[in-house]
Amino acid sequence: MAQIIPQVGNWYKEIQQGSMFEVVAVDELEQTIETQLIDGAIAEYDFDNWNELLLEEIEEPEDWRNGYELSREDYLDPDATIYPEDWNGPLSVIESDVVNGILDDL
């Protein structure tokens, strides 16, 4: 099998175990490759171990967000402005301990 050069952001499938992961970092100085499995777990390979793996490059899985409990709606527009439901602020809904000038000591 041809040697696969790891590219950050690309997805791969390890053929023997069937695990799918994304390469998240390649450190040339330390000669390591950091990957993140589809369930969110992090793994690290050195260059020698990487070359021993039976890998195939795959498309990004549709359900890769499941490990992070994110839905498709979470990524529709990440730059969208978030507007609060109540513009008065959280302190406006707290009841006062003072009613008609008398302190409630309960």
PDB file of N, CA and C in Angstrom:
ATOM      1  N   MET A   1       0.842  -1.182   0.000  1.00  0.00           N
ATOM      2  CA  MET A   1       0.000   0.000   0.000  1.00  0.00           C
ATOM      3  C   MET A   1       0.884   1.241   0.000  1.00  0.00           C
ATOM      4  N   ALA A   2       0.470   2.267  -0.718  1.00  0.00           N
ATOM      5  CA  ALA A   2       1.257   3.491  -0.828  1.00  0.00           C
ATOM      6  C   ALA A   2       1.280   4.236   0.504  1.00  0.00           C
ATOM      7  N   GLN A   3       2.398   4.879   0.749  1.00  0.00           N
ATOM      8  CA  GLN A   3       2.544   5.641   1.976  1.00  0.00           C
ATOM      9  C   GLN A   3       1.696   6.906   1.893  1.00  0.00           C
ATOM     10  N   ILE A   4       0.896   7.160   2.935  1.00  0.00           N
ATOM     11  CA  ILE A   4       0.014   8.331   2.957  1.00  0.00           C
ATOM     12  C   ILE A   4       0.660   9.414   3.800  1.00  0.00           C
ATOM     13  N   ILE A   5       0.797  10.589   3.227  1.00  0.00           N
ATOM     14  CA  ILE A   5       1.366  11.726   3.950  1.00  0.00           C
ATOM     15  C   ILE A   5       0.231  12.409   4.708  1.00  0.00           C
ATOM     16  N   PRO A   6       0.372  12.559   6.041  1.00  0.00           N
ATOM     17  CA  PRO A   6      -0.710  13.159   6.831  1.00  0.00           C
ATOM     18  C   PRO A   6      -0.871  14.644   6.531  1.00  0.00           C
ATOM     19  N   GLN A   7      -2.113  15.046   6.348  1.00  0.00           N
ATOM     20  CA  GLN A   7      -2.451  16.448   6.112  1.00  0.00           C
ATOM     21  C   GLN A   7      -3.435  16.895   7.188  1.00  0.00           C
ATOM     22  N   VAL A   8      -3.127  18.001   7.857  1.00  0.00           N
ATOM     23  CA  VAL A   8      -4.014  18.522   8.902  1.00  0.00           C
ATOM     24  C   VAL A   8      -5.368  18.840   8.287  1.00  0.00           C
ATOM     25  N   GLY A   9      -6.436  18.356   8.923  1.00  0.00           N
ATOM     26  CA  GLY A   9      -7.797  18.587   8.456  1.00  0.00           C
ATOM     27  C   GLY A   9      -8.352  17.454   7.616  1.00  0.00           C
ATOM     28  N   ASN A  10      -7.497  16.536   7.172  1.00  0.00           N
ATOM     29  CA  ASN A  10      -7.967  15.398   6.373  1.00  0.00           C
ATOM     30  C   ASN A  10      -8.394  14.251   7.281  1.00  0.00           C
ATOM     31  N   TRP A  11      -9.350  13.475   6.794  1.00  0.00           N
ATOM     32  CA  TRP A  11      -9.873  12.321   7.518  1.00  0.00           C
ATOM     33  C   TRP A  11      -9.297  11.040   6.928  1.00  0.00           C
ATOM     34  N   TYR A  12      -9.035  10.062   7.815  1.00  0.00           N
ATOM     35  CA  TYR A  12      -8.474   8.787   7.404  1.00  0.00           C
ATOM     36  C   TYR A  12      -9.203   7.651   8.109  1.00  0.00           C
ATOM     37  N   LYS A  13      -9.166   6.483   7.489  1.00  0.00           N
ATOM     38  CA  LYS A  13      -9.731   5.281   8.099  1.00  0.00           C
ATOM     39  C   LYS A  13      -8.612   4.255   8.211  1.00  0.00           C
ATOM     40  N   GLU A  14      -8.440   3.741   9.428  1.00  0.00           N
ATOM     41  CA  GLU A  14      -7.467   2.687   9.664  1.00  0.00           C
ATOM     42  C   GLU A  14      -8.150   1.383   9.292  1.00  0.00           C
ATOM     43  N   ILE A  15      -7.682   0.713   8.265  1.00  0.00           N
ATOM     44  CA  ILE A  15      -8.391  -0.403   7.652  1.00  0.00           C
ATOM     45  C   ILE A  15      -8.525  -1.604   8.583  1.00  0.00           C
ATOM     46  N   GLN A  16      -7.490  -1.942   9.329  1.00  0.00           N
ATOM     47  CA  GLN A  16      -7.538  -3.135  10.180  1.00  0.00           C
ATOM     48  C   GLN A  16      -8.549  -3.005  11.310  1.00  0.00           C
ATOM     49  N   GLN A  17      -8.588  -1.844  11.975  1.00  0.00           N
ATOM     50  CA  GLN A  17      -9.502  -1.663  13.108  1.00  0.00           C
ATOM     51  C   GLN A  17     -10.791  -0.952  12.715  1.00  0.00           C
ATOM     52  N   GLY A  18     -10.798  -0.296  11.586  1.00  0.00           N
ATOM     53  CA  GLY A  18     -11.998   0.404  11.136  1.00  0.00           C
ATOM     54  C   GLY A  18     -12.215   1.752  11.796  1.00  0.00           C
ATOM     55  N   SER A  19     -11.230   2.251  12.542  1.00  0.00           N
ATOM     56  CA  SER A  19     -11.398   3.535  13.215  1.00  0.00           C
ATOM     57  C   SER A  19     -11.204   4.682  12.236  1.00  0.00           C
ATOM     58  N   MET A  20     -12.009   5.737  12.424  1.00  0.00           N
ATOM     59  CA  MET A  20     -11.925   6.922  11.593  1.00  0.00           C
ATOM     60  C   MET A  20     -11.425   8.077  12.444  1.00  0.00           C
ATOM     61  N   PHE A  21     -10.534   8.877  11.862  1.00  0.00           N
ATOM     62  CA  PHE A  21      -9.972   9.989  12.616  1.00  0.00           C
ATOM     63  C   PHE A  21      -9.558  11.112  11.686  1.00  0.00           C
ATOM     64  N   GLU A  22      -9.369  12.293  12.301  1.00  0.00           N
ATOM     65  CA  GLU A  22      -8.910  13.471  11.583  1.00  0.00           C
ATOM     66  C   GLU A  22      -7.516  13.818  12.082  1.00  0.00           C
ATOM     67  N   VAL A  23      -6.628  14.205  11.206  1.00  0.00           N
ATOM     68  CA  VAL A  23      -5.309  14.681  11.617  1.00  0.00           C
ATOM     69  C   VAL A  23      -5.481  16.128  12.061  1.00  0.00           C
ATOM     70  N   VAL A  24      -5.104  16.413  13.319  1.00  0.00           N
ATOM     71  CA  VAL A  24      -5.280  17.757  13.860  1.00  0.00           C
ATOM     72  C   VAL A  24      -3.962  18.506  14.002  1.00  0.00           C
ATOM     73  N   ALA A  25      -2.826  17.779  13.995  1.00  0.00           N
ATOM     74  CA  ALA A  25      -1.525  18.451  14.097  1.00  0.00           C
ATOM     75  C   ALA A  25      -0.426  17.522  13.606  1.00  0.00           C
ATOM     76  N   VAL A  26       0.562  18.124  12.980  1.00  0.00           N
ATOM     77  CA  VAL A  26       1.771  17.404  12.568  1.00  0.00           C
ATOM     78  C   VAL A  26       2.946  18.211  13.090  1.00  0.00           C
ATOM     79  N   ASP A  27       3.768  17.583  13.935  1.00  0.00           N
ATOM     80  CA  ASP A  27       4.934  18.244  14.519  1.00  0.00           C
ATOM     81  C   ASP A  27       6.190  17.677  13.872  1.00  0.00           C
ATOM     82  N   GLU A  28       6.789  18.451  12.991  1.00  0.00           N
ATOM     83  CA  GLU A  28       7.980  17.996  12.272  1.00  0.00           C
ATOM     84  C   GLU A  28       9.176  17.831  13.209  1.00  0.00           C
ATOM     85  N   LEU A  29       9.312  18.722  14.206  1.00  0.00           N
ATOM     86  CA  LEU A  29      10.456  18.633  15.125  1.00  0.00           C
ATOM     87  C   LEU A  29      10.400  17.380  15.986  1.00  0.00           C
ATOM     88  N   GLU A  30       9.251  17.112  16.562  1.00  0.00           N
ATOM     89  CA  GLU A  30       9.078  15.934  17.415  1.00  0.00           C
ATOM     90  C   GLU A  30       8.781  14.677  16.609  1.00  0.00           C
ATOM     91  N   GLN A  31       8.508  14.854  15.328  1.00  0.00           N
ATOM     92  CA  GLN A  31       8.141  13.777  14.416  1.00  0.00           C
ATOM     93  C   GLN A  31       6.929  12.990  14.930  1.00  0.00           C
ATOM     94  N   THR A  32       5.870  13.759  15.257  1.00  0.00           N
ATOM     95  CA  THR A  32       4.623  13.156  15.728  1.00  0.00           C
ATOM     96  C   THR A  32       3.446  13.681  14.930  1.00  0.00           C
ATOM     97  N   ILE A  33       2.398  12.875  14.916  1.00  0.00           N
ATOM     98  CA  ILE A  33       1.142  13.216  14.252  1.00  0.00           C
ATOM     99  C   ILE A  33       0.044  13.059  15.289  1.00  0.00           C
ATOM    100  N   GLU A  34      -0.703  14.112  15.529  1.00  0.00           N
ATOM    101  CA  GLU A  34      -1.789  14.070  16.499  1.00  0.00           C
ATOM    102  C   GLU A  34      -3.101  13.929  15.747  1.00  0.00           C
ATOM    103  N   THR A  35      -3.925  12.972  16.191  1.00  0.00           N
ATOM    104  CA  THR A  35      -5.202  12.710  15.539  1.00  0.00           C
ATOM    105  C   THR A  35      -6.329  12.788  16.550  1.00  0.00           C
ATOM    106  N   GLN A  36      -7.530  12.995  16.041  1.00  0.00           N
ATOM    107  CA  GLN A  36      -8.721  12.988  16.885  1.00  0.00           C
ATOM    108  C   GLN A  36      -9.719  12.019  16.274  1.00  0.00           C
ATOM    109  N   LEU A  37     -10.073  11.006  17.064  1.00  0.00           N
ATOM    110  CA  LEU A  37     -11.019  10.002  16.610  1.00  0.00           C
ATOM    111  C   LEU A  37     -12.409  10.598  16.498  1.00  0.00           C
ATOM    112  N   ILE A  38     -13.295   9.910  15.827  1.00  0.00           N
ATOM    113  CA  ILE A  38     -14.645  10.407  15.599  1.00  0.00           C
ATOM    114  C   ILE A  38     -15.415  10.589  16.912  1.00  0.00           C
ATOM    115  N   ASP A  39     -15.027   9.848  17.973  1.00  0.00           N
ATOM    116  CA  ASP A  39     -15.697  10.001  19.270  1.00  0.00           C
ATOM    117  C   ASP A  39     -15.079  11.098  20.126  1.00  0.00           C
ATOM    118  N   GLY A  40     -14.066  11.789  19.596  1.00  0.00           N
ATOM    119  CA  GLY A  40     -13.454  12.904  20.310  1.00  0.00           C
ATOM    120  C   GLY A  40     -12.140  12.564  20.986  1.00  0.00           C
ATOM    121  N   ALA A  41     -11.783  11.289  21.080  1.00  0.00           N
ATOM    122  CA  ALA A  41     -10.536  10.879  21.734  1.00  0.00           C
ATOM    123  C   ALA A  41      -9.333  11.328  20.904  1.00  0.00           C
ATOM    124  N   ILE A  42      -8.256  11.681  21.603  1.00  0.00           N
ATOM    125  CA  ILE A  42      -7.022  12.135  20.969  1.00  0.00           C
ATOM    126  C   ILE A  42      -6.012  10.995  20.958  1.00  0.00           C
ATOM    127  N   ALA A  43      -5.302  10.853  19.854  1.00  0.00           N
ATOM    128  CA  ALA A  43      -4.233   9.853  19.752  1.00  0.00           C
ATOM    129  C   ALA A  43      -3.029  10.508  19.097  1.00  0.00           C
ATOM    130  N   GLU A  44      -1.856   9.947  19.368  1.00  0.00           N
ATOM    131  CA  GLU A  44      -0.635  10.484  18.792  1.00  0.00           C
ATOM    132  C   GLU A  44       0.200   9.347  18.232  1.00  0.00           C
ATOM    133  N   TYR A  45       0.734   9.555  17.050  1.00  0.00           N
ATOM    134  CA  TYR A  45       1.593   8.574  16.395  1.00  0.00           C
ATOM    135  C   TYR A  45       2.931   9.226  16.092  1.00  0.00           C
ATOM    136  N   ASP A  46       4.011   8.446  16.183  1.00  0.00           N
ATOM    137  CA  ASP A  46       5.258   8.961  15.635  1.00  0.00           C
ATOM    138  C   ASP A  46       5.297   8.592  14.161  1.00  0.00           C
ATOM    139  N   PHE A  47       6.198   9.187  13.433  1.00  0.00           N
ATOM    140  CA  PHE A  47       6.228   8.987  11.981  1.00  0.00           C
ATOM    141  C   PHE A  47       6.389   7.518  11.604  1.00  0.00           C
ATOM    142  N   ASP A  48       7.208   6.777  12.363  1.00  0.00           N
ATOM    143  CA  ASP A  48       7.423   5.356  12.057  1.00  0.00           C
ATOM    144  C   ASP A  48       6.131   4.553  12.213  1.00  0.00           C
ATOM    145  N   ASN A  49       5.400   4.780  13.319  1.00  0.00           N
ATOM    146  CA  ASN A  49       4.139   4.068  13.539  1.00  0.00           C
ATOM    147  C   ASN A  49       3.097   4.445  12.489  1.00  0.00           C
ATOM    148  N   TRP A  50       3.077   5.714  12.096  1.00  0.00           N
ATOM    149  CA  TRP A  50       2.137   6.172  11.067  1.00  0.00           C
ATOM    150  C   TRP A  50       2.351   5.398   9.767  1.00  0.00           C
ATOM    151  N   ASN A  51       3.605   5.217   9.394  1.00  0.00           N
ATOM    152  CA  ASN A  51       3.927   4.532   8.145  1.00  0.00           C
ATOM    153  C   ASN A  51       3.562   3.044   8.176  1.00  0.00           C
ATOM    154  N   GLU A  52       3.427   2.470   9.373  1.00  0.00           N
ATOM    155  CA  GLU A  52       3.052   1.064   9.502  1.00  0.00           C
ATOM    156  C   GLU A  52       1.544   0.842   9.431  1.00  0.00           C
ATOM    157  N   LEU A  53       0.764   1.916   9.604  1.00  0.00           N
ATOM    158  CA  LEU A  53      -0.696   1.794   9.578  1.00  0.00           C
ATOM    159  C   LEU A  53      -1.193   1.548   8.155  1.00  0.00           C
ATOM    160  N   LEU A  54      -2.245   0.749   8.044  1.00  0.00           N
ATOM    161  CA  LEU A  54      -2.929   0.567   6.756  1.00  0.00           C
ATOM    162  C   LEU A  54      -4.065   1.580   6.708  1.00  0.00           C
ATOM    163  N   LEU A  55      -3.858   2.649   5.955  1.00  0.00           N
ATOM    164  CA  LEU A  55      -4.792   3.774   5.953  1.00  0.00           C
ATOM    165  C   LEU A  55      -5.368   4.013   4.573  1.00  0.00           C
ATOM    166  N   GLU A  56      -6.561   4.587   4.584  1.00  0.00           N
ATOM    167  CA  GLU A  56      -7.129   5.129   3.364  1.00  0.00           C
ATOM    168  C   GLU A  56      -7.715   6.496   3.701  1.00  0.00           C
ATOM    169  N   GLU A  57      -7.559   7.438   2.789  1.00  0.00           N
ATOM    170  CA  GLU A  57      -8.122   8.761   2.995  1.00  0.00           C
ATOM    171  C   GLU A  57      -9.608   8.708   2.681  1.00  0.00           C
ATOM    172  N   ILE A  58     -10.422   9.313   3.558  1.00  0.00           N
ATOM    173  CA  ILE A  58     -11.875   9.285   3.399  1.00  0.00           C
ATOM    174  C   ILE A  58     -12.434  10.690   3.443  1.00  0.00           C
ATOM    175  N   GLU A  59     -13.678  10.820   3.036  1.00  0.00           N
ATOM    176  CA  GLU A  59     -14.390  12.089   3.154  1.00  0.00           C
ATOM    177  C   GLU A  59     -14.759  12.311   4.615  1.00  0.00           C
ATOM    178  N   GLU A  60     -14.966  13.562   4.973  1.00  0.00           N
ATOM    179  CA  GLU A  60     -15.395  13.891   6.331  1.00  0.00           C
ATOM    180  C   GLU A  60     -16.734  13.206   6.606  1.00  0.00           C
ATOM    181  N   PRO A  61     -16.827  12.400   7.685  1.00  0.00           N
ATOM    182  CA  PRO A  61     -18.090  11.726   7.994  1.00  0.00           C
ATOM    183  C   PRO A  61     -19.185  12.744   8.307  1.00  0.00           C
ATOM    184  N   GLU A  62     -20.414  12.396   7.931  1.00  0.00           N
ATOM    185  CA  GLU A  62     -21.537  13.296   8.198  1.00  0.00           C
ATOM    186  C   GLU A  62     -21.805  13.452   9.687  1.00  0.00           C
ATOM    187  N   ASP A  63     -21.556  12.414  10.460  1.00  0.00           N
ATOM    188  CA  ASP A  63     -21.884  12.439  11.886  1.00  0.00           C
ATOM    189  C   ASP A  63     -20.659  12.660  12.768  1.00  0.00           C
ATOM    190  N   TRP A  64     -19.627  13.327  12.288  1.00  0.00           N
ATOM    191  CA  TRP A  64     -18.416  13.500  13.075  1.00  0.00           C
ATOM    192  C   TRP A  64     -18.631  14.382  14.300  1.00  0.00           C
ATOM    193  N   ARG A  65     -19.701  15.176  14.323  1.00  0.00           N
ATOM    194  CA  ARG A  65     -19.970  16.058  15.465  1.00  0.00           C
ATOM    195  C   ARG A  65     -20.576  15.316  16.657  1.00  0.00           C
ATOM    196  N   ASN A  66     -21.001  14.059  16.491  1.00  0.00           N
ATOM    197  CA  ASN A  66     -21.670  13.326  17.562  1.00  0.00           C
ATOM    198  C   ASN A  66     -20.819  13.222  18.818  1.00  0.00           C
ATOM    199  N   GLY A  67     -19.525  13.054  18.678  1.00  0.00           N
ATOM    200  CA  GLY A  67     -18.655  12.957  19.839  1.00  0.00           C
ATOM    201  C   GLY A  67     -18.621  14.235  20.654  1.00  0.00           C
ATOM    202  N   TYR A  68     -18.974  15.346  20.028  1.00  0.00           N
ATOM    203  CA  TYR A  68     -18.974  16.641  20.696  1.00  0.00           C
ATOM    204  C   TYR A  68     -20.379  17.088  21.065  1.00  0.00           C
ATOM    205  N   GLU A  69     -21.363  16.251  20.789  1.00  0.00           N
ATOM    206  CA  GLU A  69     -22.769  16.540  21.049  1.00  0.00           C
ATOM    207  C   GLU A  69     -23.203  17.842  20.390  1.00  0.00           C
ATOM    208  N   LEU A  70     -22.760  18.058  19.160  1.00  0.00           N
ATOM    209  CA  LEU A  70     -23.140  19.235  18.400  1.00  0.00           C
ATOM    210  C   LEU A  70     -24.080  18.825  17.284  1.00  0.00           C
ATOM    211  N   SER A  71     -24.997  19.680  16.966  1.00  0.00           N
ATOM    212  CA  SER A  71     -25.910  19.400  15.871  1.00  0.00           C
ATOM    213  C   SER A  71     -25.523  20.238  14.656  1.00  0.00           C
ATOM    214  N   ARG A  72     -26.124  19.953  13.531  1.00  0.00           N
ATOM    215  CA  ARG A  72     -25.843  20.701  12.314  1.00  0.00           C
ATOM    216  C   ARG A  72     -26.213  22.183  12.500  1.00  0.00           C
ATOM    217  N   GLU A  73     -27.249  22.470  13.285  1.00  0.00           N
ATOM    218  CA  GLU A  73     -27.676  23.846  13.512  1.00  0.00           C
ATOM    219  C   GLU A  73     -26.607  24.656  14.243  1.00  0.00           C
ATOM    220  N   ASP A  74     -25.755  23.978  15.033  1.00  0.00           N
ATOM    221  CA  ASP A  74     -24.701  24.687  15.754  1.00  0.00           C
ATOM    222  C   ASP A  74     -23.685  25.312  14.810  1.00  0.00           C
ATOM    223  N   TYR A  75     -23.627  24.829  13.570  1.00  0.00           N
ATOM    224  CA  TYR A  75     -22.636  25.305  12.624  1.00  0.00           C
ATOM    225  C   TYR A  75     -23.223  26.063  11.443  1.00  0.00           C
ATOM    226  N   LEU A  76     -24.510  26.414  11.494  1.00  0.00           N
ATOM    227  CA  LEU A  76     -25.109  27.100  10.361  1.00  0.00           C
ATOM    228  C   LEU A  76     -24.456  28.450  10.093  1.00  0.00           C
ATOM    229  N   ASP A  77     -24.345  29.286  11.098  1.00  0.00           N
ATOM    230  CA  ASP A  77     -23.704  30.592  10.925  1.00  0.00           C
ATOM    231  C   ASP A  77     -22.971  30.950  12.217  1.00  0.00           C
ATOM    232  N   PRO A  78     -21.714  30.554  12.330  1.00  0.00           N
ATOM    233  CA  PRO A  78     -20.993  30.799  13.581  1.00  0.00           C
ATOM    234  C   PRO A  78     -20.741  32.279  13.849  1.00  0.00           C
ATOM    235  N   ASP A  79     -20.871  33.146  12.838  1.00  0.00           N
ATOM    236  CA  ASP A  79     -20.654  34.575  13.035  1.00  0.00           C
ATOM    237  C   ASP A  79     -21.940  35.339  13.296  1.00  0.00           C
ATOM    238  N   ALA A  80     -23.047  34.636  13.389  1.00  0.00           N
ATOM    239  CA  ALA A  80     -24.329  35.300  13.609  1.00  0.00           C
ATOM    240  C   ALA A  80     -24.351  35.951  14.994  1.00  0.00           C
ATOM    241  N   THR A  81     -24.964  37.115  15.060  1.00  0.00           N
ATOM    242  CA  THR A  81     -25.081  37.827  16.327  1.00  0.00           C
ATOM    243  C   THR A  81     -26.125  37.145  17.196  1.00  0.00           C
ATOM    244  N   ILE A  82     -25.811  37.003  18.472  1.00  0.00           N
ATOM    245  CA  ILE A  82     -26.743  36.396  19.420  1.00  0.00           C
ATOM    246  C   ILE A  82     -27.483  37.522  20.138  1.00  0.00           C
ATOM    247  N   TYR A  83     -28.794  37.482  20.064  1.00  0.00           N
ATOM    248  CA  TYR A  83     -29.617  38.497  20.716  1.00  0.00           C
ATOM    249  C   TYR A  83     -30.296  37.884  21.935  1.00  0.00           C
ATOM    250  N   PRO A  84     -30.222  38.565  23.069  1.00  0.00           N
ATOM    251  CA  PRO A  84     -30.889  38.030  24.263  1.00  0.00           C
ATOM    252  C   PRO A  84     -32.401  38.113  24.128  1.00  0.00           C
ATOM    253  N   GLU A  85     -33.095  37.204  24.816  1.00  0.00           N
ATOM    254  CA  GLU A  85     -34.552  37.234  24.789  1.00  0.00           C
ATOM    255  C   GLU A  85     -35.094  38.433  25.568  1.00  0.00           C
ATOM    256  N   ASP A  86     -34.375  38.812  26.622  1.00  0.00           N
ATOM    257  CA  ASP A  86     -34.809  39.912  27.478  1.00  0.00           C
ATOM    258  C   ASP A  86     -33.675  40.936  27.541  1.00  0.00           C
ATOM    259  N   TRP A  87     -33.923  42.125  27.016  1.00  0.00           N
ATOM    260  CA  TRP A  87     -32.884  43.153  26.980  1.00  0.00           C
ATOM    261  C   TRP A  87     -32.688  43.833  28.338  1.00  0.00           C
ATOM    262  N   ASN A  88     -33.516  43.549  29.330  1.00  0.00           N
ATOM    263  CA  ASN A  88     -33.409  44.206  30.626  1.00  0.00           C
ATOM    264  C   ASN A  88     -32.259  43.671  31.464  1.00  0.00           C
ATOM    265  N   GLY A  89     -31.840  42.461  31.224  1.00  0.00           N
ATOM    266  CA  GLY A  89     -30.744  41.887  31.985  1.00  0.00           C
ATOM    267  C   GLY A  89     -31.244  40.973  33.081  1.00  0.00           C
ATOM    268  N   PRO A  90     -30.375  40.121  33.611  1.00  0.00           N
ATOM    269  CA  PRO A  90     -30.802  39.130  34.603  1.00  0.00           C
ATOM    270  C   PRO A  90     -31.181  39.729  35.951  1.00  0.00           C
ATOM    271  N   LEU A  91     -30.651  40.891  36.303  1.00  0.00           N
ATOM    272  CA  LEU A  91     -30.965  41.468  37.607  1.00  0.00           C
ATOM    273  C   LEU A  91     -32.387  41.994  37.691  1.00  0.00           C
ATOM    274  N   SER A  92     -33.009  42.235  36.562  1.00  0.00           N
ATOM    275  CA  SER A  92     -34.361  42.784  36.577  1.00  0.00           C
ATOM    276  C   SER A  92     -35.397  41.734  36.986  1.00  0.00           C
ATOM    277  N   VAL A  93     -35.069  40.456  36.966  1.00  0.00           N
ATOM    278  CA  VAL A  93     -36.032  39.420  37.330  1.00  0.00           C
ATOM    279  C   VAL A  93     -35.873  38.943  38.775  1.00  0.00           C
ATOM    280  N   ILE A  94     -34.908  39.480  39.502  1.00  0.00           N
ATOM    281  CA  ILE A  94     -34.710  39.093  40.904  1.00  0.00           C
ATOM    282  C   ILE A  94     -35.653  39.914  41.767  1.00  0.00           C
ATOM    283  N   GLU A  95     -36.383  39.210  42.640  1.00  0.00           N
ATOM    284  CA  GLU A  95     -37.310  39.905  43.526  1.00  0.00           C
ATOM    285  C   GLU A  95     -36.548  40.558  44.668  1.00  0.00           C
ATOM    286  N   SER A  96     -36.984  41.701  45.038  1.00  0.00           N
ATOM    287  CA  SER A  96     -36.351  42.453  46.110  1.00  0.00           C
ATOM    288  C   SER A  96     -36.710  41.849  47.469  1.00  0.00           C
ATOM    289  N   ASP A  97     -35.783  41.953  48.416  1.00  0.00           N
ATOM    290  CA  ASP A  97     -36.054  41.525  49.795  1.00  0.00           C
ATOM    291  C   ASP A  97     -36.805  42.604  50.577  1.00  0.00           C
ATOM    292  N   VAL A  98     -36.916  43.774  50.006  1.00  0.00           N
ATOM    293  CA  VAL A  98     -37.599  44.875  50.664  1.00  0.00           C
ATOM    294  C   VAL A  98     -38.938  45.102  49.964  1.00  0.00           C
ATOM    295  N   VAL A  99     -40.044  44.976  50.737  1.00  0.00           N
ATOM    296  CA  VAL A  99     -41.383  45.221  50.209  1.00  0.00           C
ATOM    297  C   VAL A  99     -42.039  46.284  51.060  1.00  0.00           C
ATOM    298  N   ASN A 100     -42.441  47.382  50.418  1.00  0.00           N
ATOM    299  CA  ASN A 100     -43.078  48.507  51.118  1.00  0.00           C
ATOM    300  C   ASN A 100     -42.219  48.994  52.272  1.00  0.00           C
ATOM    301  N   GLY A 101     -40.889  49.001  52.095  1.00  0.00           N
ATOM    302  CA  GLY A 101     -39.981  49.511  53.101  1.00  0.00           C
ATOM    303  C   GLY A 101     -39.681  48.546  54.220  1.00  0.00           C
ATOM    304  N   ILE A 102     -40.240  47.311  54.186  1.00  0.00           N
ATOM    305  CA  ILE A 102     -40.009  46.313  55.236  1.00  0.00           C
ATOM    306  C   ILE A 102     -39.116  45.223  54.678  1.00  0.00           C
ATOM    307  N   LEU A 103     -38.035  44.884  55.413  1.00  0.00           N
ATOM    308  CA  LEU A 103     -37.099  43.844  54.978  1.00  0.00           C
ATOM    309  C   LEU A 103     -37.680  42.472  55.284  1.00  0.00           C
ATOM    310  N   ASP A 104     -37.696  41.607  54.292  1.00  0.00           N
ATOM    311  CA  ASP A 104     -38.196  40.242  54.449  1.00  0.00           C
ATOM    312  C   ASP A 104     -37.045  39.379  54.981  1.00  0.00           C
ATOM    313  N   ASP A 105     -37.157  38.858  56.190  1.00  0.00           N
ATOM    314  CA  ASP A 105     -36.086  38.099  56.827  1.00  0.00           C
ATOM    315  C   ASP A 105     -36.246  36.587  56.674  1.00  0.00           C
ATOM    316  N   LEU A 106     -37.126  36.120  55.846  1.00  0.00           N
ATOM    317  CA  LEU A 106     -37.335  34.674  55.717  1.00  0.00           C
ATOM    318  C   LEU A 106     -36.186  34.033  55.131  1.00  0.00           C
TER     319      LEU A 106
END
